[in-house]
Amino acid sequence: MTTLLSPSYSLQIGSQIWKEQLLRLQLTLTSAPGIDILRATLPAQAPLDADVDDDVELTINSGEQEEKVFTGTVSVIRRSHASIDVKAVNAGGVLARYRPAATYENATPATVVRNLASDAGVTTGSLETGSELAFYVADPCRTAWDHIYRVSSWCGAMVTVSADNKVESRVVNAATADLALRHGRELLNFARNKAIAPLETFVVAGESGAGSVSSDDVHRPTTDFFAGNRPDDPSPSAVWSWEPALRTPSSAATAGAARKRTYGAKADRGTFTAFLQPQLRPGTILELQELPEGLTEGPVWIQTVRHSLAPTGAASRVDYLKGGDSFDPLALLGSLVGSLGGLV
C-alpha cells in the first residue's frame, strides 16, 4: 500500500507561528553575491502581528524529512486588499546593506570575512582560510557582502549562509556526491545546457610580485609581476585581470586557477524540479540517477535552490553546475602548481 506524502511547514514571524494559513511560501537559497530571500503570502484578513526586523525562522517537512532551512529577519511587509506579503532576508541581506570603510593588514580572506560580519552584527561558521594578504582595503564602493564574495573567490570558495544564519565559506569538493536523487522517484523534470567554453587561460596579476607577504618588497610595486615568466597576452582564449591586493605570484595563481575552475563548471549547467527536498542547499553535491542518456555526466553541485509550498503542491527547483574530477580541491591545487611553474 502506497502512502501519499503530506508536505508541511512551520513559519515563525515575530512571536507568531504559522502552519496552515499561508497562501504561498517560497524560499530561495543561493551563494554570494546572491542573497537568500524568503517570501510568504497570507490572506488579507490574517491576524499578522509583526513588524520589520522581527525574527523569522522556517522549518519545512517533505513528509519524509524535516529540516530547519532559514533563519533571518523581516525586511518588508506589504498589505493589500487581497493579501499580506512578508519578505525576509538573512545574514547575506544584512551584509548587503552595509558599506564598510576599513583596512586590514597581514590578514587572510577568513579574517576579512569574520571582521566584516562582526561589524554588521552577523555571526560566522566555518570559513576557508585562503591565501595570506599583506593588506585588504574594504572600501565603501562595494557592500560588505560583495567584499566577502570577492576575497573568498580568490581561493575558489563558495560563500553561503547556513540555516542557523551563519556566514560560511568552503571550496566545493564536487568529485563525490553527498546524496542521490532518482528520476521517477524524487526528480520530476530535468534540463541540461552545455555551452561552448572558448576561454582556456585565466591570468590574475597582482602588484608587487614578492615571494611572500613577509618580504620587505611586498608593498613595493613592480613592472614585472611574473619575474620574467609573463603568460601569453590577452586573447580570445585568454583573460587577464588585475587584483592589487594579491601581492605574490602564488596567491594570484590560486585566484586564476579558481576562476578557470568556476568557468568550466558554468559551461555545463542545468535545472531540475523535484518533490520537496528540504535537505538541498547551495553547495550540496548530487548524483542524479536513471536519467535519459545525455542529460548529465558525473556529480553536479547546487548553485541555487527554490523551495515552494502552496495549496497546489510543494517542490524544490534547483539550478546546478557540473562537478566531477575538475571540482576536486586537489585538482585546484594541481592547477596552482602548473600556474607557478617558473615563477618560484
C-alpha atoms as a PDB file:
ATOM      1  CA  MET A   1       0.000   0.000   0.000  1.00  0.00           C
ATOM      2  CA  THR A   2       1.378   3.423  -1.018  1.00  0.00           C
ATOM      3  CA  THR A   3       1.050   6.381   1.324  1.00  0.00           C
ATOM      4  CA  LEU A   4       0.963   9.852  -0.209  1.00  0.00           C
ATOM      5  CA  LEU A   5       3.405  12.337   1.280  1.00  0.00           C
ATOM      6  CA  SER A   6       1.988  15.380   3.059  1.00  0.00           C
ATOM      7  CA  PRO A   7       4.455  18.299   2.987  1.00  0.00           C
ATOM      8  CA  SER A   8       4.139  20.825   5.799  1.00  0.00           C
ATOM      9  CA  TYR A   9       5.858  23.877   7.231  1.00  0.00           C
ATOM     10  CA  SER A  10       6.308  25.847  10.436  1.00  0.00           C
ATOM     11  CA  LEU A  11       6.982  29.544   9.888  1.00  0.00           C
ATOM     12  CA  GLN A  12       7.716  31.767  12.849  1.00  0.00           C
ATOM     13  CA  ILE A  13       7.316  35.513  12.227  1.00  0.00           C
ATOM     14  CA  GLY A  14       7.947  37.508  15.365  1.00  0.00           C
ATOM     15  CA  SER A  15       6.060  35.802  18.182  1.00  0.00           C
ATOM     16  CA  GLN A  16       3.580  34.030  15.893  1.00  0.00           C
ATOM     17  CA  ILE A  17       3.873  30.577  14.300  1.00  0.00           C
ATOM     18  CA  TRP A  18       2.058  29.816  11.051  1.00  0.00           C
ATOM     19  CA  LYS A  19       1.421  26.223   9.992  1.00  0.00           C
ATOM     20  CA  GLU A  20      -1.668  26.228   7.759  1.00  0.00           C
ATOM     21  CA  GLN A  21      -2.876  29.660   6.701  1.00  0.00           C
ATOM     22  CA  LEU A  22      -0.267  30.682   4.128  1.00  0.00           C
ATOM     23  CA  LEU A  23      -1.391  31.081   0.528  1.00  0.00           C
ATOM     24  CA  ARG A  24       2.139  30.622  -0.760  1.00  0.00           C
ATOM     25  CA  LEU A  25       5.630  30.146   0.618  1.00  0.00           C
ATOM     26  CA  GLN A  26       8.849  30.393  -1.371  1.00  0.00           C
ATOM     27  CA  LEU A  27      12.426  30.243  -0.112  1.00  0.00           C
ATOM     28  CA  THR A  28      15.328  30.985  -2.443  1.00  0.00           C
ATOM     29  CA  LEU A  29      18.750  29.862  -1.230  1.00  0.00           C
ATOM     30  CA  THR A  30      21.814  30.801  -3.260  1.00  0.00           C
ATOM     31  CA  SER A  31      25.508  31.636  -2.938  1.00  0.00           C
ATOM     32  CA  ALA A  32      27.172  35.058  -2.821  1.00  0.00           C
ATOM     33  CA  PRO A  33      26.898  37.519  -4.419  1.00  0.00           C
ATOM     34  CA  GLY A  34      23.232  36.448  -4.439  1.00  0.00           C
ATOM     35  CA  ILE A  35      21.056  36.835  -1.334  1.00  0.00           C
ATOM     36  CA  ASP A  36      18.734  34.305   0.304  1.00  0.00           C
ATOM     37  CA  ILE A  37      15.115  35.508   0.293  1.00  0.00           C
ATOM     38  CA  LEU A  38      12.021  34.097   1.969  1.00  0.00           C
ATOM     39  CA  ARG A  39       8.590  35.199   0.708  1.00  0.00           C
ATOM     40  CA  ALA A  40       5.345  34.310   2.480  1.00  0.00           C
ATOM     41  CA  THR A  41       1.848  35.306   1.376  1.00  0.00           C
ATOM     42  CA  LEU A  42      -1.054  35.315   3.865  1.00  0.00           C
ATOM     43  CA  PRO A  43      -4.743  36.172   3.383  1.00  0.00           C
ATOM     44  CA  ALA A  44      -5.532  39.879   3.796  1.00  0.00           C
ATOM     45  CA  GLN A  45      -7.550  39.130   6.951  1.00  0.00           C
ATOM     46  CA  ALA A  46      -4.828  37.068   8.643  1.00  0.00           C
ATOM     47  CA  PRO A  47      -4.091  38.365  12.178  1.00  0.00           C
ATOM     48  CA  LEU A  48      -0.406  39.081  11.475  1.00  0.00           C
ATOM     49  CA  ASP A  49       1.211  40.890  14.385  1.00  0.00           C
ATOM     50  CA  ALA A  50       4.736  41.567  13.152  1.00  0.00           C
ATOM     51  CA  ASP A  51       6.994  44.396  12.043  1.00  0.00           C
ATOM     52  CA  VAL A  52      10.208  44.832  10.061  1.00  0.00           C
ATOM     53  CA  ASP A  53      13.316  43.460  11.800  1.00  0.00           C
ATOM     54  CA  ASP A  54      11.262  40.819  13.648  1.00  0.00           C
ATOM     55  CA  ASP A  55      12.862  37.381  13.748  1.00  0.00           C
ATOM     56  CA  VAL A  56      11.865  34.765  11.166  1.00  0.00           C
ATOM     57  CA  GLU A  57      12.503  31.032  11.225  1.00  0.00           C
ATOM     58  CA  LEU A  58      11.291  28.394   8.770  1.00  0.00           C
ATOM     59  CA  THR A  59      11.173  24.615   9.084  1.00  0.00           C
ATOM     60  CA  ILE A  60       9.809  22.502   6.239  1.00  0.00           C
ATOM     61  CA  ASN A  61       8.827  18.849   6.158  1.00  0.00           C
ATOM     62  CA  SER A  62       8.603  16.848   2.946  1.00  0.00           C
ATOM     63  CA  GLY A  63       6.582  14.099   4.607  1.00  0.00           C
ATOM     64  CA  GLU A  64       9.766  12.054   4.888  1.00  0.00           C
ATOM     65  CA  GLN A  65      12.344  14.530   6.181  1.00  0.00           C
ATOM     66  CA  GLU A  66      12.149  17.683   8.297  1.00  0.00           C
ATOM     67  CA  GLU A  67      14.784  20.437   8.246  1.00  0.00           C
ATOM     68  CA  LYS A  68      15.167  23.939   9.595  1.00  0.00           C
ATOM     69  CA  VAL A  69      16.050  25.785   6.410  1.00  0.00           C
ATOM     70  CA  PHE A  70      16.089  29.516   7.187  1.00  0.00           C
ATOM     71  CA  THR A  71      16.751  31.976   9.999  1.00  0.00           C
ATOM     72  CA  GLY A  72      16.592  35.721   9.390  1.00  0.00           C
ATOM     73  CA  THR A  73      14.562  38.875   9.883  1.00  0.00           C
ATOM     74  CA  VAL A  74      11.603  40.589   8.241  1.00  0.00           C
ATOM     75  CA  SER A  75      12.724  43.169   5.665  1.00  0.00           C
ATOM     76  CA  VAL A  76       9.389  44.114   4.022  1.00  0.00           C
ATOM     77  CA  ILE A  77       5.684  43.776   4.879  1.00  0.00           C
ATOM     78  CA  ARG A  78       3.252  44.684   2.105  1.00  0.00           C
ATOM     79  CA  ARG A  79      -0.506  44.787   2.738  1.00  0.00           C
ATOM     80  CA  SER A  80      -3.168  44.968   0.036  1.00  0.00           C
ATOM     81  CA  HIS A  81      -6.874  44.241  -0.306  1.00  0.00           C
ATOM     82  CA  ALA A  82      -6.045  40.688  -1.384  1.00  0.00           C
ATOM     83  CA  SER A  83      -3.092  39.561   0.716  1.00  0.00           C
ATOM     84  CA  ILE A  84      -0.264  40.258   3.139  1.00  0.00           C
ATOM     85  CA  ASP A  85       3.185  39.684   1.680  1.00  0.00           C
ATOM     86  CA  VAL A  86       6.145  39.199   4.006  1.00  0.00           C
ATOM     87  CA  LYS A  87       9.735  39.232   2.768  1.00  0.00           C
ATOM     88  CA  ALA A  88      12.656  38.164   4.957  1.00  0.00           C
ATOM     89  CA  VAL A  89      16.422  38.044   4.483  1.00  0.00           C
ATOM     90  CA  ASN A  90      19.249  36.504   6.476  1.00  0.00           C
ATOM     91  CA  ALA A  91      22.877  37.493   7.115  1.00  0.00           C
ATOM     92  CA  GLY A  92      23.584  37.983   3.402  1.00  0.00           C
ATOM     93  CA  GLY A  93      20.908  40.664   3.205  1.00  0.00           C
ATOM     94  CA  VAL A  94      22.248  42.393   6.311  1.00  0.00           C
ATOM     95  CA  LEU A  95      25.785  42.471   4.886  1.00  0.00           C
ATOM     96  CA  ALA A  96      24.464  43.711   1.528  1.00  0.00           C
ATOM     97  CA  ARG A  97      23.148  46.838   3.280  1.00  0.00           C
ATOM     98  CA  TYR A  98      26.499  47.640   4.907  1.00  0.00           C
ATOM     99  CA  ARG A  99      29.182  49.605   3.022  1.00  0.00           C
ATOM    100  CA  PRO A 100      32.374  49.421   5.080  1.00  0.00           C
ATOM    101  CA  ALA A 101      35.440  51.629   5.137  1.00  0.00           C
ATOM    102  CA  ALA A 102      38.180  49.557   6.724  1.00  0.00           C
ATOM    103  CA  THR A 103      41.721  48.373   6.021  1.00  0.00           C
ATOM    104  CA  TYR A 104      43.147  45.052   7.197  1.00  0.00           C
ATOM    105  CA  GLU A 105      46.851  44.206   7.358  1.00  0.00           C
ATOM    106  CA  ASN A 106      48.521  40.768   7.463  1.00  0.00           C
ATOM    107  CA  ALA A 107      45.112  39.107   7.098  1.00  0.00           C
ATOM    108  CA  THR A 108      43.526  36.199   5.267  1.00  0.00           C
ATOM    109  CA  PRO A 109      40.175  36.124   3.443  1.00  0.00           C
ATOM    110  CA  ALA A 110      38.745  34.386   6.518  1.00  0.00           C
ATOM    111  CA  THR A 111      39.964  37.251   8.713  1.00  0.00           C
ATOM    112  CA  VAL A 112      38.330  39.825   6.420  1.00  0.00           C
ATOM    113  CA  VAL A 113      35.048  37.882   6.339  1.00  0.00           C
ATOM    114  CA  ARG A 114      34.994  37.439  10.101  1.00  0.00           C
ATOM    115  CA  ASN A 115      35.650  41.120  10.793  1.00  0.00           C
ATOM    116  CA  LEU A 116      33.143  42.455   8.264  1.00  0.00           C
ATOM    117  CA  ALA A 117      30.486  40.095   9.627  1.00  0.00           C
ATOM    118  CA  SER A 118      31.217  41.145  13.202  1.00  0.00           C
ATOM    119  CA  ASP A 119      30.946  44.832  12.289  1.00  0.00           C
ATOM    120  CA  ALA A 120      27.464  44.163  10.874  1.00  0.00           C
ATOM    121  CA  GLY A 121      26.359  42.100  13.877  1.00  0.00           C
ATOM    122  CA  VAL A 122      26.465  38.838  11.905  1.00  0.00           C
ATOM    123  CA  THR A 123      27.989  35.536  13.054  1.00  0.00           C
ATOM    124  CA  THR A 124      30.228  33.219  11.052  1.00  0.00           C
ATOM    125  CA  GLY A 125      30.657  29.476  10.839  1.00  0.00           C
ATOM    126  CA  SER A 126      33.379  27.515   9.076  1.00  0.00           C
ATOM    127  CA  LEU A 127      35.468  29.710   6.761  1.00  0.00           C
ATOM    128  CA  GLU A 128      38.064  28.874   4.116  1.00  0.00           C
ATOM    129  CA  THR A 129      41.346  30.481   5.165  1.00  0.00           C
ATOM    130  CA  GLY A 130      42.690  31.334   1.702  1.00  0.00           C
ATOM    131  CA  SER A 131      45.980  32.975   0.761  1.00  0.00           C
ATOM    132  CA  GLU A 132      47.602  35.397   3.192  1.00  0.00           C
ATOM    133  CA  LEU A 133      47.090  39.064   2.288  1.00  0.00           C
ATOM    134  CA  ALA A 134      49.566  41.804   3.156  1.00  0.00           C
ATOM    135  CA  PHE A 135      46.587  44.153   3.241  1.00  0.00           C
ATOM    136  CA  TYR A 136      42.999  44.457   2.095  1.00  0.00           C
ATOM    137  CA  VAL A 137      41.001  47.668   1.699  1.00  0.00           C
ATOM    138  CA  ALA A 138      37.266  47.212   2.216  1.00  0.00           C
ATOM    139  CA  ASP A 139      36.112  50.450   0.584  1.00  0.00           C
ATOM    140  CA  PRO A 140      32.501  51.706   0.509  1.00  0.00           C
ATOM    141  CA  CYS A 141      32.290  51.338  -3.281  1.00  0.00           C
ATOM    142  CA  ARG A 142      31.310  47.725  -2.523  1.00  0.00           C
ATOM    143  CA  THR A 143      28.979  46.295   0.080  1.00  0.00           C
ATOM    144  CA  ALA A 144      30.363  44.052   2.808  1.00  0.00           C
ATOM    145  CA  TRP A 145      28.685  41.109   1.061  1.00  0.00           C
ATOM    146  CA  ASP A 146      30.475  41.996  -2.188  1.00  0.00           C
ATOM    147  CA  HIS A 147      33.820  42.204  -0.364  1.00  0.00           C
ATOM    148  CA  ILE A 148      33.204  38.825   1.258  1.00  0.00           C
ATOM    149  CA  TYR A 149      32.405  37.283  -2.111  1.00  0.00           C
ATOM    150  CA  ARG A 150      35.465  38.909  -3.696  1.00  0.00           C
ATOM    151  CA  VAL A 151      38.114  37.779  -1.208  1.00  0.00           C
ATOM    152  CA  SER A 152      36.590  34.292  -0.929  1.00  0.00           C
ATOM    153  CA  SER A 153      36.538  33.833  -4.707  1.00  0.00           C
ATOM    154  CA  TRP A 154      40.331  34.304  -4.812  1.00  0.00           C
ATOM    155  CA  CYS A 155      40.712  30.882  -3.212  1.00  0.00           C
ATOM    156  CA  GLY A 156      37.764  29.331  -5.063  1.00  0.00           C
ATOM    157  CA  ALA A 157      35.486  29.342  -2.014  1.00  0.00           C
ATOM    158  CA  MET A 158      31.698  29.408  -2.239  1.00  0.00           C
ATOM    159  CA  VAL A 159      30.031  31.730   0.307  1.00  0.00           C
ATOM    160  CA  THR A 160      26.641  30.779   1.738  1.00  0.00           C
ATOM    161  CA  VAL A 161      24.500  31.379   4.821  1.00  0.00           C
ATOM    162  CA  SER A 162      23.568  28.389   6.964  1.00  0.00           C
ATOM    163  CA  ALA A 163      20.104  27.504   8.231  1.00  0.00           C
ATOM    164  CA  ASP A 164      21.223  28.980  11.578  1.00  0.00           C
ATOM    165  CA  ASN A 165      22.107  32.300   9.885  1.00  0.00           C
ATOM    166  CA  LYS A 166      25.902  31.933   9.932  1.00  0.00           C
ATOM    167  CA  VAL A 167      28.098  33.070   7.049  1.00  0.00           C
ATOM    168  CA  GLU A 168      30.197  30.164   5.788  1.00  0.00           C
ATOM    169  CA  SER A 169      32.716  29.620   3.002  1.00  0.00           C
ATOM    170  CA  ARG A 170      34.260  26.478   1.577  1.00  0.00           C
ATOM    171  CA  VAL A 171      35.918  25.142  -1.532  1.00  0.00           C
ATOM    172  CA  VAL A 172      33.317  22.842  -3.047  1.00  0.00           C
ATOM    173  CA  ASN A 173      34.507  19.255  -3.467  1.00  0.00           C
ATOM    174  CA  ALA A 174      32.179  18.132  -6.238  1.00  0.00           C
ATOM    175  CA  ALA A 175      34.019  14.897  -7.007  1.00  0.00           C
ATOM    176  CA  THR A 176      31.909  12.781  -4.613  1.00  0.00           C
ATOM    177  CA  ALA A 177      28.137  13.070  -4.159  1.00  0.00           C
ATOM    178  CA  ASP A 178      26.512  13.801  -0.803  1.00  0.00           C
ATOM    179  CA  LEU A 179      23.248  12.133  -1.822  1.00  0.00           C
ATOM    180  CA  ALA A 180      21.410  10.709  -4.838  1.00  0.00           C
ATOM    181  CA  LEU A 181      18.118  11.682  -6.479  1.00  0.00           C
ATOM    182  CA  ARG A 182      16.449   9.393  -8.985  1.00  0.00           C
ATOM    183  CA  HIS A 183      14.301  10.189 -11.975  1.00  0.00           C
ATOM    184  CA  GLY A 184      10.830   8.801 -11.368  1.00  0.00           C
ATOM    185  CA  ARG A 185      11.297   8.853  -7.605  1.00  0.00           C
ATOM    186  CA  GLU A 186      12.327  12.374  -6.456  1.00  0.00           C
ATOM    187  CA  LEU A 187      13.015  14.032  -9.826  1.00  0.00           C
ATOM    188  CA  LEU A 188      10.054  15.366 -11.810  1.00  0.00           C
ATOM    189  CA  ASN A 189      11.778  17.088 -14.742  1.00  0.00           C
ATOM    190  CA  PHE A 190      15.297  17.890 -15.827  1.00  0.00           C
ATOM    191  CA  ALA A 191      17.119  20.023 -18.404  1.00  0.00           C
ATOM    192  CA  ARG A 192      20.807  20.377 -19.255  1.00  0.00           C
ATOM    193  CA  ASN A 193      22.539  23.243 -21.064  1.00  0.00           C
ATOM    194  CA  LYS A 194      26.057  22.578 -22.343  1.00  0.00           C
ATOM    195  CA  ALA A 195      27.667  25.598 -23.982  1.00  0.00           C
ATOM    196  CA  ILE A 196      30.917  26.336 -25.768  1.00  0.00           C
ATOM    197  CA  ALA A 197      33.754  27.280 -23.398  1.00  0.00           C
ATOM    198  CA  PRO A 198      36.384  29.062 -25.528  1.00  0.00           C
ATOM    199  CA  LEU A 199      38.411  30.510 -22.645  1.00  0.00           C
ATOM    200  CA  GLU A 200      41.426  28.380 -21.770  1.00  0.00           C
ATOM    201  CA  THR A 201      43.520  30.660 -19.578  1.00  0.00           C
ATOM    202  CA  PHE A 202      42.689  32.972 -16.679  1.00  0.00           C
ATOM    203  CA  VAL A 203      45.602  35.149 -15.631  1.00  0.00           C
ATOM    204  CA  VAL A 204      45.425  37.207 -12.457  1.00  0.00           C
ATOM    205  CA  ALA A 205      48.199  39.756 -11.921  1.00  0.00           C
ATOM    206  CA  GLY A 206      48.978  41.352  -8.590  1.00  0.00           C
ATOM    207  CA  GLU A 207      51.152  44.356  -7.907  1.00  0.00           C
ATOM    208  CA  SER A 208      54.413  43.666  -6.101  1.00  0.00           C
ATOM    209  CA  GLY A 209      55.440  40.153  -7.175  1.00  0.00           C
ATOM    210  CA  ALA A 210      57.045  39.474  -3.779  1.00  0.00           C
ATOM    211  CA  GLY A 211      57.982  35.925  -2.876  1.00  0.00           C
ATOM    212  CA  SER A 212      55.941  36.074   0.335  1.00  0.00           C
ATOM    213  CA  VAL A 213      53.819  38.562   2.276  1.00  0.00           C
ATOM    214  CA  SER A 214      56.601  38.791   4.866  1.00  0.00           C
ATOM    215  CA  SER A 215      59.066  40.096   2.277  1.00  0.00           C
ATOM    216  CA  ASP A 216      60.350  43.663   2.560  1.00  0.00           C
ATOM    217  CA  ASP A 217      59.243  44.148  -1.061  1.00  0.00           C
ATOM    218  CA  VAL A 218      55.601  43.208  -0.530  1.00  0.00           C
ATOM    219  CA  HIS A 219      54.393  46.841  -0.653  1.00  0.00           C
ATOM    220  CA  ARG A 220      56.695  47.876  -3.485  1.00  0.00           C
ATOM    221  CA  PRO A 221      55.077  47.972  -6.962  1.00  0.00           C
ATOM    222  CA  THR A 222      56.896  46.139  -9.741  1.00  0.00           C
ATOM    223  CA  THR A 223      56.908  46.386 -13.513  1.00  0.00           C
ATOM    224  CA  ASP A 224      57.319  42.610 -13.863  1.00  0.00           C
ATOM    225  CA  PHE A 225      54.926  40.768 -11.574  1.00  0.00           C
ATOM    226  CA  PHE A 226      55.739  37.441 -13.249  1.00  0.00           C
ATOM    227  CA  ALA A 227      59.509  37.759 -12.809  1.00  0.00           C
ATOM    228  CA  GLY A 228      60.336  37.248 -16.471  1.00  0.00           C
ATOM    229  CA  ASN A 229      57.807  34.440 -16.989  1.00  0.00           C
ATOM    230  CA  ARG A 230      54.914  36.517 -18.317  1.00  0.00           C
ATOM    231  CA  PRO A 231      51.995  34.353 -19.545  1.00  0.00           C
ATOM    232  CA  ASP A 232      50.535  34.763 -23.018  1.00  0.00           C
ATOM    233  CA  ASP A 233      48.915  38.120 -23.733  1.00  0.00           C
ATOM    234  CA  PRO A 234      45.121  38.560 -23.526  1.00  0.00           C
ATOM    235  CA  SER A 235      43.405  36.915 -26.469  1.00  0.00           C
ATOM    236  CA  PRO A 236      40.048  35.337 -27.403  1.00  0.00           C
ATOM    237  CA  SER A 237      41.079  32.326 -25.317  1.00  0.00           C
ATOM    238  CA  ALA A 238      42.966  34.099 -22.501  1.00  0.00           C
ATOM    239  CA  VAL A 239      41.542  36.558 -19.981  1.00  0.00           C
ATOM    240  CA  TRP A 240      43.639  38.805 -17.767  1.00  0.00           C
ATOM    241  CA  SER A 241      42.557  40.663 -14.634  1.00  0.00           C
ATOM    242  CA  TRP A 242      44.354  42.767 -12.039  1.00  0.00           C
ATOM    243  CA  GLU A 243      43.995  42.381  -8.281  1.00  0.00           C
ATOM    244  CA  PRO A 244      46.444  44.718  -6.475  1.00  0.00           C
ATOM    245  CA  ALA A 245      45.676  43.144  -3.086  1.00  0.00           C
ATOM    246  CA  LEU A 246      47.298  39.909  -4.310  1.00  0.00           C
ATOM    247  CA  ARG A 247      50.954  40.703  -3.757  1.00  0.00           C
ATOM    248  CA  THR A 248      52.537  37.310  -4.504  1.00  0.00           C
ATOM    249  CA  PRO A 249      52.565  35.175  -7.655  1.00  0.00           C
ATOM    250  CA  SER A 250      51.273  32.195  -5.635  1.00  0.00           C
ATOM    251  CA  SER A 251      48.124  33.986  -4.420  1.00  0.00           C
ATOM    252  CA  ALA A 252      47.484  35.361  -7.910  1.00  0.00           C
ATOM    253  CA  ALA A 253      47.918  31.890  -9.431  1.00  0.00           C
ATOM    254  CA  THR A 254      45.394  30.476  -6.957  1.00  0.00           C
ATOM    255  CA  ALA A 255      42.881  33.151  -7.974  1.00  0.00           C
ATOM    256  CA  GLY A 256      43.425  32.401 -11.663  1.00  0.00           C
ATOM    257  CA  ALA A 257      43.012  28.654 -11.145  1.00  0.00           C
ATOM    258  CA  ALA A 258      39.836  29.249  -9.142  1.00  0.00           C
ATOM    259  CA  ARG A 259      38.325  31.383 -11.909  1.00  0.00           C
ATOM    260  CA  LYS A 260      39.126  28.774 -14.533  1.00  0.00           C
ATOM    261  CA  ARG A 261      37.540  26.088 -12.344  1.00  0.00           C
ATOM    262  CA  THR A 262      34.299  28.049 -11.910  1.00  0.00           C
ATOM    263  CA  TYR A 263      34.178  28.990 -15.601  1.00  0.00           C
ATOM    264  CA  GLY A 264      34.428  25.340 -16.613  1.00  0.00           C
ATOM    265  CA  ALA A 265      31.584  24.373 -14.309  1.00  0.00           C
ATOM    266  CA  LYS A 266      29.299  27.124 -15.621  1.00  0.00           C
ATOM    267  CA  ALA A 267      29.734  25.923 -19.193  1.00  0.00           C
ATOM    268  CA  ASP A 268      27.798  22.752 -18.304  1.00  0.00           C
ATOM    269  CA  ARG A 269      24.775  23.539 -16.170  1.00  0.00           C
ATOM    270  CA  GLY A 270      21.096  22.776 -15.859  1.00  0.00           C
ATOM    271  CA  THR A 271      17.911  22.781 -13.827  1.00  0.00           C
ATOM    272  CA  PHE A 272      15.622  20.205 -12.348  1.00  0.00           C
ATOM    273  CA  THR A 273      12.447  20.087 -10.295  1.00  0.00           C
ATOM    274  CA  ALA A 274      11.945  17.513  -7.558  1.00  0.00           C
ATOM    275  CA  PHE A 275       9.373  16.704  -4.944  1.00  0.00           C
ATOM    276  CA  LEU A 276      10.105  18.903  -1.920  1.00  0.00           C
ATOM    277  CA  GLN A 277      13.641  18.150  -0.667  1.00  0.00           C
ATOM    278  CA  PRO A 278      14.345  20.315   2.417  1.00  0.00           C
ATOM    279  CA  GLN A 279      17.904  18.956   2.756  1.00  0.00           C
ATOM    280  CA  LEU A 280      19.023  20.601  -0.507  1.00  0.00           C
ATOM    281  CA  ARG A 281      21.135  23.756  -0.130  1.00  0.00           C
ATOM    282  CA  PRO A 282      23.743  25.590  -2.257  1.00  0.00           C
ATOM    283  CA  GLY A 283      26.925  23.527  -2.360  1.00  0.00           C
ATOM    284  CA  THR A 284      25.164  20.157  -1.950  1.00  0.00           C
ATOM    285  CA  ILE A 285      26.746  17.556  -4.276  1.00  0.00           C
ATOM    286  CA  LEU A 286      24.273  15.296  -6.071  1.00  0.00           C
ATOM    287  CA  GLU A 287      24.255  12.143  -8.122  1.00  0.00           C
ATOM    288  CA  LEU A 288      21.280  12.188 -10.499  1.00  0.00           C
ATOM    289  CA  GLN A 289      20.258   8.648 -11.330  1.00  0.00           C
ATOM    290  CA  GLU A 290      18.379   6.946 -14.174  1.00  0.00           C
ATOM    291  CA  LEU A 291      18.143   9.983 -16.423  1.00  0.00           C
ATOM    292  CA  PRO A 292      17.872   9.621 -20.197  1.00  0.00           C
ATOM    293  CA  GLU A 293      21.248   9.430 -21.916  1.00  0.00           C
ATOM    294  CA  GLY A 294      22.998  12.746 -22.477  1.00  0.00           C
ATOM    295  CA  LEU A 295      21.273  14.668 -19.710  1.00  0.00           C
ATOM    296  CA  THR A 296      24.074  14.528 -17.157  1.00  0.00           C
ATOM    297  CA  GLU A 297      27.642  13.401 -16.660  1.00  0.00           C
ATOM    298  CA  GLY A 298      29.149  12.827 -13.244  1.00  0.00           C
ATOM    299  CA  PRO A 299      28.190  14.568  -9.979  1.00  0.00           C
ATOM    300  CA  VAL A 300      26.620  18.025 -10.033  1.00  0.00           C
ATOM    301  CA  TRP A 301      26.537  20.712  -7.344  1.00  0.00           C
ATOM    302  CA  ILE A 302      23.779  23.092  -6.391  1.00  0.00           C
ATOM    303  CA  GLN A 303      24.163  26.815  -7.003  1.00  0.00           C
ATOM    304  CA  THR A 304      20.575  27.870  -6.216  1.00  0.00           C
ATOM    305  CA  VAL A 305      17.532  26.070  -4.828  1.00  0.00           C
ATOM    306  CA  ARG A 306      13.958  27.351  -4.541  1.00  0.00           C
ATOM    307  CA  HIS A 307      11.675  25.560  -2.122  1.00  0.00           C
ATOM    308  CA  SER A 308       7.994  26.303  -2.811  1.00  0.00           C
ATOM    309  CA  LEU A 309       4.858  25.307  -0.921  1.00  0.00           C
ATOM    310  CA  ALA A 310       1.288  26.164  -1.945  1.00  0.00           C
ATOM    311  CA  PRO A 311      -2.156  24.517  -1.818  1.00  0.00           C
ATOM    312  CA  THR A 312      -1.417  23.088  -5.272  1.00  0.00           C
ATOM    313  CA  GLY A 313       1.710  21.259  -4.110  1.00  0.00           C
ATOM    314  CA  ALA A 314       5.291  21.511  -2.914  1.00  0.00           C
ATOM    315  CA  ALA A 315       8.522  21.251  -4.890  1.00  0.00           C
ATOM    316  CA  SER A 316      12.233  22.105  -4.952  1.00  0.00           C
ATOM    317  CA  ARG A 317      13.621  23.671  -8.119  1.00  0.00           C
ATOM    318  CA  VAL A 318      17.397  23.555  -8.482  1.00  0.00           C
ATOM    319  CA  ASP A 319      19.961  25.318 -10.642  1.00  0.00           C
ATOM    320  CA  TYR A 320      23.065  23.144 -10.778  1.00  0.00           C
ATOM    321  CA  LEU A 321      26.610  23.249 -12.167  1.00  0.00           C
ATOM    322  CA  LYS A 322      28.734  20.363 -13.333  1.00  0.00           C
ATOM    323  CA  GLY A 323      31.065  18.726 -10.813  1.00  0.00           C
ATOM    324  CA  GLY A 324      33.353  15.764 -11.309  1.00  0.00           C
ATOM    325  CA  ASP A 325      37.136  15.491 -11.129  1.00  0.00           C
ATOM    326  CA  SER A 326      37.670  19.126 -12.171  1.00  0.00           C
ATOM    327  CA  PHE A 327      35.957  20.177  -8.960  1.00  0.00           C
ATOM    328  CA  ASP A 328      38.115  18.130  -6.656  1.00  0.00           C
ATOM    329  CA  PRO A 329      40.110  20.581  -4.465  1.00  0.00           C
ATOM    330  CA  LEU A 330      43.234  18.538  -5.273  1.00  0.00           C
ATOM    331  CA  ALA A 331      42.674  19.402  -8.943  1.00  0.00           C
ATOM    332  CA  LEU A 332      42.664  23.081  -7.968  1.00  0.00           C
ATOM    333  CA  LEU A 333      45.995  22.598  -6.209  1.00  0.00           C
ATOM    334  CA  GLY A 334      47.300  20.881  -9.311  1.00  0.00           C
ATOM    335  CA  SER A 335      46.284  23.877 -11.405  1.00  0.00           C
ATOM    336  CA  LEU A 336      48.114  26.109  -8.941  1.00  0.00           C
ATOM    337  CA  VAL A 337      51.310  24.087  -9.262  1.00  0.00           C
ATOM    338  CA  GLY A 338      51.088  24.344 -13.037  1.00  0.00           C
ATOM    339  CA  SER A 339      50.482  28.089 -12.885  1.00  0.00           C
ATOM    340  CA  LEU A 340      53.511  28.565 -10.661  1.00  0.00           C
ATOM    341  CA  GLY A 341      55.910  26.747 -12.936  1.00  0.00           C
ATOM    342  CA  GLY A 342      58.905  29.017 -13.486  1.00  0.00           C
ATOM    343  CA  LEU A 343      57.644  31.660 -11.057  1.00  0.00           C
ATOM    344  CA  VAL A 344      59.299  30.323  -7.929  1.00  0.00           C
END
